[in-house]
Amino acid sequence: MASDKTHPPTYDQIHPPQSNPNIPTIYSNVEQFNPTPATTTVIVTNTAVGPDPTTVTCPSCRATVVTRLEYETTTKTHVCAALLCLFICWPCVCIPYCSTSCRDANHYCPNCGSFIGTYRK
């Protein structure tokens, strides 16, 4: 009795070779050379900002500007107001909200409006 053996398909039959666009194909008459453009990476470090407007180079628009300040109330502001209220100085409760010393100073670029940094006491 003669048995007919069937062999499983080879790897090349299941997965035919495909051309990869990242691997250059060598032609005898044609030279393929596609240089990739050089990229430049700019690393910007955080600048030291203080409680007053500061002259910095904006990391977004690369302009040298004097920062625009916006003050933000924080937990420290609320704690100072609560302490004033506890020690029966309730008429002075609004002072931490009006004072810049109990609030954070956020620095922004006046040209593009991007955030530059925060000063906390």
PDB file of N, CA and C in Angstrom:
ATOM      1  N   MET A   1       0.827  -1.142   0.000  1.00  0.00           N
ATOM      2  CA  MET A   1       0.000   0.000   0.000  1.00  0.00           C
ATOM      3  C   MET A   1       0.895   1.236   0.000  1.00  0.00           C
ATOM      4  N   ALA A   2       0.698   2.085  -0.933  1.00  0.00           N
ATOM      5  CA  ALA A   2       1.503   3.284  -1.094  1.00  0.00           C
ATOM      6  C   ALA A   2       0.824   4.429  -0.359  1.00  0.00           C
ATOM      7  N   SER A   3       1.555   5.069   0.493  1.00  0.00           N
ATOM      8  CA  SER A   3       0.950   6.190   1.242  1.00  0.00           C
ATOM      9  C   SER A   3       1.413   7.502   0.625  1.00  0.00           C
ATOM     10  N   ASP A   4       0.480   8.357   0.484  1.00  0.00           N
ATOM     11  CA  ASP A   4       0.734   9.675  -0.077  1.00  0.00           C
ATOM     12  C   ASP A   4       1.042  10.623   1.088  1.00  0.00           C
ATOM     13  N   LYS A   5       2.282  11.007   1.222  1.00  0.00           N
ATOM     14  CA  LYS A   5       2.630  11.908   2.315  1.00  0.00           C
ATOM     15  C   LYS A   5       2.462  13.348   1.828  1.00  0.00           C
ATOM     16  N   THR A   6       1.751  14.091   2.624  1.00  0.00           N
ATOM     17  CA  THR A   6       1.643  15.520   2.319  1.00  0.00           C
ATOM     18  C   THR A   6       2.475  16.263   3.352  1.00  0.00           C
ATOM     19  N   HIS A   7       3.265  17.151   2.869  1.00  0.00           N
ATOM     20  CA  HIS A   7       4.125  17.937   3.733  1.00  0.00           C
ATOM     21  C   HIS A   7       3.421  19.247   4.081  1.00  0.00           C
ATOM     22  N   PRO A   8       3.640  19.734   5.268  1.00  0.00           N
ATOM     23  CA  PRO A   8       3.062  21.038   5.611  1.00  0.00           C
ATOM     24  C   PRO A   8       3.713  22.122   4.762  1.00  0.00           C
ATOM     25  N   PRO A   9       3.018  23.214   4.550  1.00  0.00           N
ATOM     26  CA  PRO A   9       3.591  24.288   3.724  1.00  0.00           C
ATOM     27  C   PRO A   9       4.817  24.891   4.410  1.00  0.00           C
ATOM     28  N   THR A  10       5.704  25.390   3.604  1.00  0.00           N
ATOM     29  CA  THR A  10       6.912  26.020   4.140  1.00  0.00           C
ATOM     30  C   THR A  10       6.573  27.423   4.640  1.00  0.00           C
ATOM     31  N   TYR A  11       7.500  27.987   5.373  1.00  0.00           N
ATOM     32  CA  TYR A  11       7.290  29.321   5.923  1.00  0.00           C
ATOM     33  C   TYR A  11       7.117  30.347   4.808  1.00  0.00           C
ATOM     34  N   ASP A  12       7.902  30.207   3.732  1.00  0.00           N
ATOM     35  CA  ASP A  12       7.790  31.149   2.623  1.00  0.00           C
ATOM     36  C   ASP A  12       6.450  31.044   1.905  1.00  0.00           C
ATOM     37  N   GLN A  13       5.829  29.882   1.954  1.00  0.00           N
ATOM     38  CA  GLN A  13       4.513  29.731   1.329  1.00  0.00           C
ATOM     39  C   GLN A  13       3.440  30.399   2.185  1.00  0.00           C
ATOM     40  N   ILE A  14       3.570  30.332   3.490  1.00  0.00           N
ATOM     41  CA  ILE A  14       2.571  30.951   4.378  1.00  0.00           C
ATOM     42  C   ILE A  14       2.785  32.461   4.443  1.00  0.00           C
ATOM     43  N   HIS A  15       4.033  32.877   4.600  1.00  0.00           N
ATOM     44  CA  HIS A  15       4.377  34.288   4.715  1.00  0.00           C
ATOM     45  C   HIS A  15       5.308  34.654   3.578  1.00  0.00           C
ATOM     46  N   PRO A  16       4.766  35.057   2.437  1.00  0.00           N
ATOM     47  CA  PRO A  16       5.639  35.409   1.320  1.00  0.00           C
ATOM     48  C   PRO A  16       6.477  36.637   1.671  1.00  0.00           C
ATOM     49  N   PRO A  17       7.711  36.682   1.187  1.00  0.00           N
ATOM     50  CA  PRO A  17       8.568  37.830   1.497  1.00  0.00           C
ATOM     51  C   PRO A  17       7.967  39.112   0.936  1.00  0.00           C
ATOM     52  N   GLN A  18       8.017  40.158   1.749  1.00  0.00           N
ATOM     53  CA  GLN A  18       7.484  41.453   1.333  1.00  0.00           C
ATOM     54  C   GLN A  18       8.634  42.445   1.288  1.00  0.00           C
ATOM     55  N   SER A  19       8.488  43.395   0.404  1.00  0.00           N
ATOM     56  CA  SER A  19       9.533  44.408   0.314  1.00  0.00           C
ATOM     57  C   SER A  19       9.345  45.399   1.458  1.00  0.00           C
ATOM     58  N   ASN A  20      10.431  45.747   2.089  1.00  0.00           N
ATOM     59  CA  ASN A  20      10.408  46.685   3.203  1.00  0.00           C
ATOM     60  C   ASN A  20      10.897  48.028   2.691  1.00  0.00           C
ATOM     61  N   PRO A  21      10.079  49.099   2.841  1.00  0.00           N
ATOM     62  CA  PRO A  21      10.517  50.397   2.310  1.00  0.00           C
ATOM     63  C   PRO A  21      11.697  50.982   3.074  1.00  0.00           C
ATOM     64  N   ASN A  22      11.982  50.486   4.272  1.00  0.00           N
ATOM     65  CA  ASN A  22      13.106  51.008   5.045  1.00  0.00           C
ATOM     66  C   ASN A  22      14.433  50.385   4.633  1.00  0.00           C
ATOM     67  N   ILE A  23      14.392  49.266   3.933  1.00  0.00           N
ATOM     68  CA  ILE A  23      15.601  48.606   3.476  1.00  0.00           C
ATOM     69  C   ILE A  23      15.809  48.979   2.011  1.00  0.00           C
ATOM     70  N   PRO A  24      16.930  49.626   1.696  1.00  0.00           N
ATOM     71  CA  PRO A  24      17.131  50.065   0.304  1.00  0.00           C
ATOM     72  C   PRO A  24      17.293  48.875  -0.643  1.00  0.00           C
ATOM     73  N   THR A  25      16.680  48.987  -1.791  1.00  0.00           N
ATOM     74  CA  THR A  25      16.796  47.975  -2.829  1.00  0.00           C
ATOM     75  C   THR A  25      17.943  48.370  -3.743  1.00  0.00           C
ATOM     76  N   ILE A  26      18.776  47.442  -4.075  1.00  0.00           N
ATOM     77  CA  ILE A  26      19.947  47.734  -4.897  1.00  0.00           C
ATOM     78  C   ILE A  26      19.597  47.483  -6.359  1.00  0.00           C
ATOM     79  N   TYR A  27      19.723  48.512  -7.156  1.00  0.00           N
ATOM     80  CA  TYR A  27      19.530  48.418  -8.595  1.00  0.00           C
ATOM     81  C   TYR A  27      20.888  48.644  -9.246  1.00  0.00           C
ATOM     82  N   SER A  28      21.068  48.066 -10.386  1.00  0.00           N
ATOM     83  CA  SER A  28      22.371  48.194 -11.040  1.00  0.00           C
ATOM     84  C   SER A  28      22.572  49.584 -11.634  1.00  0.00           C
ATOM     85  N   ASN A  29      21.536  50.215 -12.158  1.00  0.00           N
ATOM     86  CA  ASN A  29      21.695  51.492 -12.831  1.00  0.00           C
ATOM     87  C   ASN A  29      21.158  52.672 -12.018  1.00  0.00           C
ATOM     88  N   VAL A  30      20.407  52.410 -10.988  1.00  0.00           N
ATOM     89  CA  VAL A  30      19.749  53.481 -10.250  1.00  0.00           C
ATOM     90  C   VAL A  30      20.280  53.510  -8.822  1.00  0.00           C
ATOM     91  N   GLU A  31      20.650  54.673  -8.391  1.00  0.00           N
ATOM     92  CA  GLU A  31      21.105  54.816  -7.008  1.00  0.00           C
ATOM     93  C   GLU A  31      19.980  55.448  -6.197  1.00  0.00           C
ATOM     94  N   GLN A  32      19.544  54.755  -5.165  1.00  0.00           N
ATOM     95  CA  GLN A  32      18.494  55.287  -4.301  1.00  0.00           C
ATOM     96  C   GLN A  32      19.138  55.772  -3.020  1.00  0.00           C
ATOM     97  N   PHE A  33      19.030  57.063  -2.794  1.00  0.00           N
ATOM     98  CA  PHE A  33      19.560  57.641  -1.566  1.00  0.00           C
ATOM     99  C   PHE A  33      18.598  58.717  -1.111  1.00  0.00           C
ATOM    100  N   ASN A  34      17.952  58.477   0.001  1.00  0.00           N
ATOM    101  CA  ASN A  34      17.010  59.440   0.551  1.00  0.00           C
ATOM    102  C   ASN A  34      17.523  59.882   1.921  1.00  0.00           C
ATOM    103  N   PRO A  35      18.291  60.940   1.959  1.00  0.00           N
ATOM    104  CA  PRO A  35      18.805  61.369   3.256  1.00  0.00           C
ATOM    105  C   PRO A  35      17.680  61.953   4.101  1.00  0.00           C
ATOM    106  N   THR A  36      17.699  61.631   5.362  1.00  0.00           N
ATOM    107  CA  THR A  36      16.703  62.215   6.260  1.00  0.00           C
ATOM    108  C   THR A  36      17.230  63.556   6.739  1.00  0.00           C
ATOM    109  N   PRO A  37      16.355  64.545   6.835  1.00  0.00           N
ATOM    110  CA  PRO A  37      16.824  65.862   7.266  1.00  0.00           C
ATOM    111  C   PRO A  37      17.283  65.816   8.723  1.00  0.00           C
ATOM    112  N   ALA A  38      18.286  66.599   9.025  1.00  0.00           N
ATOM    113  CA  ALA A  38      18.806  66.646  10.393  1.00  0.00           C
ATOM    114  C   ALA A  38      17.786  67.333  11.289  1.00  0.00           C
ATOM    115  N   THR A  39      17.548  66.770  12.447  1.00  0.00           N
ATOM    116  CA  THR A  39      16.620  67.385  13.392  1.00  0.00           C
ATOM    117  C   THR A  39      17.415  67.983  14.541  1.00  0.00           C
ATOM    118  N   THR A  40      16.914  69.096  15.033  1.00  0.00           N
ATOM    119  CA  THR A  40      17.546  69.780  16.148  1.00  0.00           C
ATOM    120  C   THR A  40      16.610  69.709  17.342  1.00  0.00           C
ATOM    121  N   THR A  41      17.123  69.255  18.456  1.00  0.00           N
ATOM    122  CA  THR A  41      16.342  69.193  19.681  1.00  0.00           C
ATOM    123  C   THR A  41      16.788  70.309  20.594  1.00  0.00           C
ATOM    124  N   VAL A  42      15.819  71.135  21.036  1.00  0.00           N
ATOM    125  CA  VAL A  42      16.118  72.236  21.934  1.00  0.00           C
ATOM    126  C   VAL A  42      15.594  71.867  23.305  1.00  0.00           C
ATOM    127  N   ILE A  43      16.462  71.886  24.295  1.00  0.00           N
ATOM    128  CA  ILE A  43      16.065  71.587  25.665  1.00  0.00           C
ATOM    129  C   ILE A  43      16.034  72.900  26.430  1.00  0.00           C
ATOM    130  N   VAL A  44      14.866  73.220  26.969  1.00  0.00           N
ATOM    131  CA  VAL A  44      14.699  74.460  27.706  1.00  0.00           C
ATOM    132  C   VAL A  44      14.623  74.118  29.181  1.00  0.00           C
ATOM    133  N   THR A  45      15.478  74.747  29.958  1.00  0.00           N
ATOM    134  CA  THR A  45      15.432  74.522  31.392  1.00  0.00           C
ATOM    135  C   THR A  45      14.524  75.560  32.029  1.00  0.00           C
ATOM    136  N   ASN A  46      13.986  75.226  33.175  1.00  0.00           N
ATOM    137  CA  ASN A  46      13.127  76.153  33.891  1.00  0.00           C
ATOM    138  C   ASN A  46      13.944  77.354  34.347  1.00  0.00           C
ATOM    139  N   THR A  47      13.420  78.533  34.092  1.00  0.00           N
ATOM    140  CA  THR A  47      14.103  79.735  34.532  1.00  0.00           C
ATOM    141  C   THR A  47      13.646  80.063  35.937  1.00  0.00           C
ATOM    142  N   ALA A  48      14.502  80.710  36.675  1.00  0.00           N
ATOM    143  CA  ALA A  48      14.151  81.097  38.036  1.00  0.00           C
ATOM    144  C   ALA A  48      13.258  82.329  37.967  1.00  0.00           C
ATOM    145  N   VAL A  49      12.065  82.210  38.496  1.00  0.00           N
ATOM    146  CA  VAL A  49      11.136  83.326  38.528  1.00  0.00           C
ATOM    147  C   VAL A  49      10.948  83.741  39.979  1.00  0.00           C
ATOM    148  N   GLY A  50      10.698  85.004  40.178  1.00  0.00           N
ATOM    149  CA  GLY A  50      10.548  85.526  41.534  1.00  0.00           C
ATOM    150  C   GLY A  50       9.168  86.118  41.751  1.00  0.00           C
ATOM    151  N   PRO A  51       9.037  86.911  42.803  1.00  0.00           N
ATOM    152  CA  PRO A  51       7.730  87.492  43.101  1.00  0.00           C
ATOM    153  C   PRO A  51       7.381  88.676  42.203  1.00  0.00           C
ATOM    154  N   ASP A  52       8.358  89.188  41.469  1.00  0.00           N
ATOM    155  CA  ASP A  52       8.140  90.327  40.584  1.00  0.00           C
ATOM    156  C   ASP A  52       8.239  89.885  39.130  1.00  0.00           C
ATOM    157  N   PRO A  53       7.715  90.700  38.181  1.00  0.00           N
ATOM    158  CA  PRO A  53       7.875  90.366  36.768  1.00  0.00           C
ATOM    159  C   PRO A  53       9.359  90.212  36.424  1.00  0.00           C
ATOM    160  N   THR A  54       9.669  89.192  35.637  1.00  0.00           N
ATOM    161  CA  THR A  54      11.046  88.823  35.345  1.00  0.00           C
ATOM    162  C   THR A  54      11.279  88.826  33.843  1.00  0.00           C
ATOM    163  N   THR A  55      12.466  89.229  33.414  1.00  0.00           N
ATOM    164  CA  THR A  55      12.826  89.171  31.998  1.00  0.00           C
ATOM    165  C   THR A  55      13.346  87.766  31.694  1.00  0.00           C
ATOM    166  N   VAL A  56      12.648  87.067  30.793  1.00  0.00           N
ATOM    167  CA  VAL A  56      13.006  85.696  30.424  1.00  0.00           C
ATOM    168  C   VAL A  56      12.855  85.521  28.927  1.00  0.00           C
ATOM    169  N   THR A  57      13.389  84.420  28.409  1.00  0.00           N
ATOM    170  CA  THR A  57      13.134  84.007  27.037  1.00  0.00           C
ATOM    171  C   THR A  57      12.031  82.965  27.075  1.00  0.00           C
ATOM    172  N   CYS A  58      10.933  83.234  26.418  1.00  0.00           N
ATOM    173  CA  CYS A  58       9.770  82.343  26.438  1.00  0.00           C
ATOM    174  C   CYS A  58      10.117  81.023  25.745  1.00  0.00           C
ATOM    175  N   PRO A  59       9.841  79.874  26.384  1.00  0.00           N
ATOM    176  CA  PRO A  59      10.141  78.599  25.750  1.00  0.00           C
ATOM    177  C   PRO A  59       9.233  78.286  24.560  1.00  0.00           C
ATOM    178  N   SER A  60       8.088  78.941  24.458  1.00  0.00           N
ATOM    179  CA  SER A  60       7.169  78.661  23.348  1.00  0.00           C
ATOM    180  C   SER A  60       7.451  79.524  22.123  1.00  0.00           C
ATOM    181  N   CYS A  61       7.490  80.850  22.310  1.00  0.00           N
ATOM    182  CA  CYS A  61       7.653  81.738  21.151  1.00  0.00           C
ATOM    183  C   CYS A  61       9.073  82.251  20.990  1.00  0.00           C
ATOM    184  N   ARG A  62       9.985  81.894  21.899  1.00  0.00           N
ATOM    185  CA  ARG A  62      11.400  82.242  21.856  1.00  0.00           C
ATOM    186  C   ARG A  62      11.661  83.747  21.885  1.00  0.00           C
ATOM    187  N   ALA A  63      10.707  84.531  22.394  1.00  0.00           N
ATOM    188  CA  ALA A  63      10.888  85.976  22.498  1.00  0.00           C
ATOM    189  C   ALA A  63      11.396  86.317  23.889  1.00  0.00           C
ATOM    190  N   THR A  64      12.213  87.355  23.978  1.00  0.00           N
ATOM    191  CA  THR A  64      12.661  87.843  25.283  1.00  0.00           C
ATOM    192  C   THR A  64      11.613  88.828  25.773  1.00  0.00           C
ATOM    193  N   VAL A  65      10.951  88.463  26.878  1.00  0.00           N
ATOM    194  CA  VAL A  65       9.820  89.246  27.365  1.00  0.00           C
ATOM    195  C   VAL A  65       9.936  89.459  28.868  1.00  0.00           C
ATOM    196  N   VAL A  66       9.163  90.416  29.367  1.00  0.00           N
ATOM    197  CA  VAL A  66       8.977  90.594  30.804  1.00  0.00           C
ATOM    198  C   VAL A  66       7.671  89.891  31.133  1.00  0.00           C
ATOM    199  N   THR A  67       7.702  88.957  32.064  1.00  0.00           N
ATOM    200  CA  THR A  67       6.550  88.097  32.341  1.00  0.00           C
ATOM    201  C   THR A  67       5.362  88.883  32.876  1.00  0.00           C
ATOM    202  N   ARG A  68       4.186  88.351  32.604  1.00  0.00           N
ATOM    203  CA  ARG A  68       2.930  88.879  33.123  1.00  0.00           C
ATOM    204  C   ARG A  68       2.570  88.032  34.334  1.00  0.00           C
ATOM    205  N   LEU A  69       2.229  88.676  35.452  1.00  0.00           N
ATOM    206  CA  LEU A  69       1.928  87.959  36.688  1.00  0.00           C
ATOM    207  C   LEU A  69       0.433  87.831  36.913  1.00  0.00           C
ATOM    208  N   GLU A  70       0.040  86.675  37.411  1.00  0.00           N
ATOM    209  CA  GLU A  70      -1.315  86.445  37.897  1.00  0.00           C
ATOM    210  C   GLU A  70      -1.175  85.767  39.256  1.00  0.00           C
ATOM    211  N   TYR A  71      -1.818  86.314  40.251  1.00  0.00           N
ATOM    212  CA  TYR A  71      -1.730  85.749  41.597  1.00  0.00           C
ATOM    213  C   TYR A  71      -2.867  84.770  41.819  1.00  0.00           C
ATOM    214  N   GLU A  72      -2.546  83.666  42.493  1.00  0.00           N
ATOM    215  CA  GLU A  72      -3.510  82.586  42.714  1.00  0.00           C
ATOM    216  C   GLU A  72      -3.600  82.290  44.211  1.00  0.00           C
ATOM    217  N   THR A  73      -4.827  82.248  44.722  1.00  0.00           N
ATOM    218  CA  THR A  73      -5.008  81.896  46.123  1.00  0.00           C
ATOM    219  C   THR A  73      -4.762  80.398  46.292  1.00  0.00           C
ATOM    220  N   THR A  74      -4.143  80.055  47.410  1.00  0.00           N
ATOM    221  CA  THR A  74      -3.792  78.667  47.667  1.00  0.00           C
ATOM    222  C   THR A  74      -4.285  78.273  49.058  1.00  0.00           C
ATOM    223  N   THR A  75      -3.945  77.083  49.460  1.00  0.00           N
ATOM    224  CA  THR A  75      -4.298  76.608  50.792  1.00  0.00           C
ATOM    225  C   THR A  75      -3.653  77.491  51.852  1.00  0.00           C
ATOM    226  N   LYS A  76      -2.464  77.977  51.587  1.00  0.00           N
ATOM    227  CA  LYS A  76      -1.775  78.870  52.520  1.00  0.00           C
ATOM    228  C   LYS A  76      -2.604  80.130  52.758  1.00  0.00           C
ATOM    229  N   THR A  77      -3.238  80.664  51.712  1.00  0.00           N
ATOM    230  CA  THR A  77      -4.082  81.851  51.845  1.00  0.00           C
ATOM    231  C   THR A  77      -5.268  81.560  52.751  1.00  0.00           C
ATOM    232  N   HIS A  78      -5.901  80.416  52.560  1.00  0.00           N
ATOM    233  CA  HIS A  78      -7.070  80.060  53.368  1.00  0.00           C
ATOM    234  C   HIS A  78      -6.680  79.797  54.821  1.00  0.00           C
ATOM    235  N   VAL A  79      -5.526  79.184  55.059  1.00  0.00           N
ATOM    236  CA  VAL A  79      -5.063  78.920  56.424  1.00  0.00           C
ATOM    237  C   VAL A  79      -4.780  80.227  57.160  1.00  0.00           C
ATOM    238  N   CYS A  80      -4.145  81.183  56.485  1.00  0.00           N
ATOM    239  CA  CYS A  80      -3.882  82.485  57.111  1.00  0.00           C
ATOM    240  C   CYS A  80      -5.187  83.187  57.472  1.00  0.00           C
ATOM    241  N   ALA A  81      -6.168  83.128  56.595  1.00  0.00           N
ATOM    242  CA  ALA A  81      -7.459  83.753  56.877  1.00  0.00           C
ATOM    243  C   ALA A  81      -8.163  83.041  58.031  1.00  0.00           C
ATOM    244  N   ALA A  82      -8.073  81.715  58.104  1.00  0.00           N
ATOM    245  CA  ALA A  82      -8.705  80.958  59.191  1.00  0.00           C
ATOM    246  C   ALA A  82      -8.040  81.269  60.528  1.00  0.00           C
ATOM    247  N   LEU A  83      -6.723  81.425  60.520  1.00  0.00           N
ATOM    248  CA  LEU A  83      -6.025  81.772  61.765  1.00  0.00           C
ATOM    249  C   LEU A  83      -6.427  83.162  62.257  1.00  0.00           C
ATOM    250  N   LEU A  84      -6.563  84.099  61.343  1.00  0.00           N
ATOM    251  CA  LEU A  84      -7.021  85.432  61.730  1.00  0.00           C
ATOM    252  C   LEU A  84      -8.437  85.378  62.308  1.00  0.00           C
ATOM    253  N   CYS A  85      -9.272  84.543  61.743  1.00  0.00           N
ATOM    254  CA  CYS A  85     -10.653  84.400  62.223  1.00  0.00           C
ATOM    255  C   CYS A  85     -10.668  83.743  63.607  1.00  0.00           C
ATOM    256  N   LEU A  86      -9.827  82.761  63.835  1.00  0.00           N
ATOM    257  CA  LEU A  86      -9.773  82.070  65.126  1.00  0.00           C
ATOM    258  C   LEU A  86      -9.294  82.985  66.251  1.00  0.00           C
ATOM    259  N   PHE A  87      -8.390  83.889  65.938  1.00  0.00           N
ATOM    260  CA  PHE A  87      -7.866  84.784  66.967  1.00  0.00           C
ATOM    261  C   PHE A  87      -8.643  86.094  67.030  1.00  0.00           C
ATOM    262  N   ILE A  88      -9.902  86.031  66.673  1.00  0.00           N
ATOM    263  CA  ILE A  88     -10.869  87.129  66.778  1.00  0.00           C
ATOM    264  C   ILE A  88     -10.389  88.389  66.050  1.00  0.00           C
ATOM    265  N   CYS A  89      -9.727  88.190  64.962  1.00  0.00           N
ATOM    266  CA  CYS A  89      -9.333  89.301  64.094  1.00  0.00           C
ATOM    267  C   CYS A  89     -10.155  89.224  62.815  1.00  0.00           C
ATOM    268  N   TRP A  90     -11.441  88.912  62.972  1.00  0.00           N
ATOM    269  CA  TRP A  90     -12.267  88.697  61.785  1.00  0.00           C
ATOM    270  C   TRP A  90     -12.348  89.907  60.865  1.00  0.00           C
ATOM    271  N   PRO A  91     -12.185  91.173  61.335  1.00  0.00           N
ATOM    272  CA  PRO A  91     -12.169  92.272  60.363  1.00  0.00           C
ATOM    273  C   PRO A  91     -10.956  92.200  59.412  1.00  0.00           C
ATOM    274  N   CYS A  92      -9.911  91.462  59.819  1.00  0.00           N
ATOM    275  CA  CYS A  92      -8.681  91.375  59.006  1.00  0.00           C
ATOM    276  C   CYS A  92      -8.638  90.120  58.133  1.00  0.00           C
ATOM    277  N   VAL A  93      -9.739  89.379  58.066  1.00  0.00           N
ATOM    278  CA  VAL A  93      -9.754  88.110  57.323  1.00  0.00           C
ATOM    279  C   VAL A  93      -9.466  88.313  55.837  1.00  0.00           C
ATOM    280  N   CYS A  94      -9.819  89.450  55.279  1.00  0.00           N
ATOM    281  CA  CYS A  94      -9.630  89.674  53.834  1.00  0.00           C
ATOM    282  C   CYS A  94      -8.187  90.019  53.473  1.00  0.00           C
ATOM    283  N   ILE A  95      -7.343  90.318  54.458  1.00  0.00           N
ATOM    284  CA  ILE A  95      -5.961  90.735  54.168  1.00  0.00           C
ATOM    285  C   ILE A  95      -5.174  89.659  53.409  1.00  0.00           C
ATOM    286  N   PRO A  96      -5.226  88.375  53.787  1.00  0.00           N
ATOM    287  CA  PRO A  96      -4.464  87.384  52.995  1.00  0.00           C
ATOM    288  C   PRO A  96      -4.918  87.289  51.536  1.00  0.00           C
ATOM    289  N   TYR A  97      -6.183  87.602  51.264  1.00  0.00           N
ATOM    290  CA  TYR A  97      -6.686  87.529  49.885  1.00  0.00           C
ATOM    291  C   TYR A  97      -6.280  88.754  49.069  1.00  0.00           C
ATOM    292  N   CYS A  98      -5.971  89.860  49.747  1.00  0.00           N
ATOM    293  CA  CYS A  98      -5.544  91.080  49.052  1.00  0.00           C
ATOM    294  C   CYS A  98      -4.032  91.177  48.962  1.00  0.00           C
ATOM    295  N   SER A  99      -3.339  90.511  49.860  1.00  0.00           N
ATOM    296  CA  SER A  99      -1.886  90.566  49.911  1.00  0.00           C
ATOM    297  C   SER A  99      -1.281  89.576  48.915  1.00  0.00           C
ATOM    298  N   THR A 100      -0.160  89.955  48.315  1.00  0.00           N
ATOM    299  CA  THR A 100       0.509  89.045  47.385  1.00  0.00           C
ATOM    300  C   THR A 100       1.419  88.067  48.112  1.00  0.00           C
ATOM    301  N   SER A 101       1.709  88.317  49.390  1.00  0.00           N
ATOM    302  CA  SER A 101       2.635  87.453  50.118  1.00  0.00           C
ATOM    303  C   SER A 101       2.028  86.102  50.480  1.00  0.00           C
ATOM    304  N   CYS A 102       0.702  86.005  50.527  1.00  0.00           N
ATOM    305  CA  CYS A 102       0.045  84.737  50.868  1.00  0.00           C
ATOM    306  C   CYS A 102      -0.461  84.002  49.630  1.00  0.00           C
ATOM    307  N   ARG A 103      -0.143  84.505  48.453  1.00  0.00           N
ATOM    308  CA  ARG A 103      -0.613  83.884  47.218  1.00  0.00           C
ATOM    309  C   ARG A 103       0.566  83.540  46.326  1.00  0.00           C
ATOM    310  N   ASP A 104       0.379  82.578  45.427  1.00  0.00           N
ATOM    311  CA  ASP A 104       1.416  82.185  44.467  1.00  0.00           C
ATOM    312  C   ASP A 104       1.415  83.151  43.286  1.00  0.00           C
ATOM    313  N   ALA A 105       2.600  83.429  42.762  1.00  0.00           N
ATOM    314  CA  ALA A 105       2.737  84.290  41.587  1.00  0.00           C
ATOM    315  C   ALA A 105       2.994  83.413  40.364  1.00  0.00           C
ATOM    316  N   ASN A 106       2.028  83.341  39.461  1.00  0.00           N
ATOM    317  CA  ASN A 106       2.167  82.577  38.210  1.00  0.00           C
ATOM    318  C   ASN A 106       2.659  83.516  37.116  1.00  0.00           C
ATOM    319  N   HIS A 107       3.743  83.123  36.438  1.00  0.00           N
ATOM    320  CA  HIS A 107       4.331  83.930  35.377  1.00  0.00           C
ATOM    321  C   HIS A 107       3.877  83.398  34.018  1.00  0.00           C
ATOM    322  N   TYR A 108       3.442  84.313  33.145  1.00  0.00           N
ATOM    323  CA  TYR A 108       2.981  83.975  31.794  1.00  0.00           C
ATOM    324  C   TYR A 108       3.677  84.869  30.785  1.00  0.00           C
ATOM    325  N   CYS A 109       3.813  84.380  29.558  1.00  0.00           N
ATOM    326  CA  CYS A 109       4.375  85.168  28.467  1.00  0.00           C
ATOM    327  C   CYS A 109       3.301  86.138  27.971  1.00  0.00           C
ATOM    328  N   PRO A 110       3.624  87.440  27.869  1.00  0.00           N
ATOM    329  CA  PRO A 110       2.610  88.383  27.373  1.00  0.00           C
ATOM    330  C   PRO A 110       2.352  88.253  25.873  1.00  0.00           C
ATOM    331  N   ASN A 111       3.287  87.643  25.113  1.00  0.00           N
ATOM    332  CA  ASN A 111       3.097  87.488  23.661  1.00  0.00           C
ATOM    333  C   ASN A 111       2.172  86.332  23.319  1.00  0.00           C
ATOM    334  N   CYS A 112       2.507  85.142  23.809  1.00  0.00           N
ATOM    335  CA  CYS A 112       1.749  83.950  23.410  1.00  0.00           C
ATOM    336  C   CYS A 112       0.871  83.410  24.540  1.00  0.00           C
ATOM    337  N   GLY A 113       1.032  83.919  25.760  1.00  0.00           N
ATOM    338  CA  GLY A 113       0.190  83.492  26.869  1.00  0.00           C
ATOM    339  C   GLY A 113       0.590  82.166  27.494  1.00  0.00           C
ATOM    340  N   SER A 114       1.745  81.621  27.141  1.00  0.00           N
ATOM    341  CA  SER A 114       2.136  80.320  27.687  1.00  0.00           C
ATOM    342  C   SER A 114       2.638  80.478  29.123  1.00  0.00           C
ATOM    343  N   PHE A 115       2.438  79.429  29.901  1.00  0.00           N
ATOM    344  CA  PHE A 115       2.851  79.402  31.300  1.00  0.00           C
ATOM    345  C   PHE A 115       4.364  79.239  31.378  1.00  0.00           C
ATOM    346  N   ILE A 116       5.013  80.066  32.214  1.00  0.00           N
ATOM    347  CA  ILE A 116       6.469  80.007  32.336  1.00  0.00           C
ATOM    348  C   ILE A 116       6.888  79.401  33.662  1.00  0.00           C
ATOM    349  N   GLY A 117       6.241  79.792  34.754  1.00  0.00           N
ATOM    350  CA  GLY A 117       6.633  79.228  36.043  1.00  0.00           C
ATOM    351  C   GLY A 117       5.822  79.826  37.173  1.00  0.00           C
ATOM    352  N   THR A 118       5.996  79.267  38.368  1.00  0.00           N
ATOM    353  CA  THR A 118       5.292  79.725  39.569  1.00  0.00           C
ATOM    354  C   THR A 118       6.300  80.047  40.654  1.00  0.00           C
ATOM    355  N   TYR A 119       6.068  81.157  41.335  1.00  0.00           N
ATOM    356  CA  TYR A 119       6.875  81.506  42.492  1.00  0.00           C
ATOM    357  C   TYR A 119       6.030  81.278  43.728  1.00  0.00           C
ATOM    358  N   ARG A 120       6.556  80.444  44.655  1.00  0.00           N
ATOM    359  CA  ARG A 120       5.876  80.169  45.919  1.00  0.00           C
ATOM    360  C   ARG A 120       6.797  80.587  47.051  1.00  0.00           C
ATOM    361  N   LYS A 121       6.237  81.256  48.032  1.00  0.00           N
ATOM    362  CA  LYS A 121       7.035  81.626  49.210  1.00  0.00           C
ATOM    363  C   LYS A 121       7.042  80.508  50.200  1.00  0.00           C
TER     364      LYS A 121
END
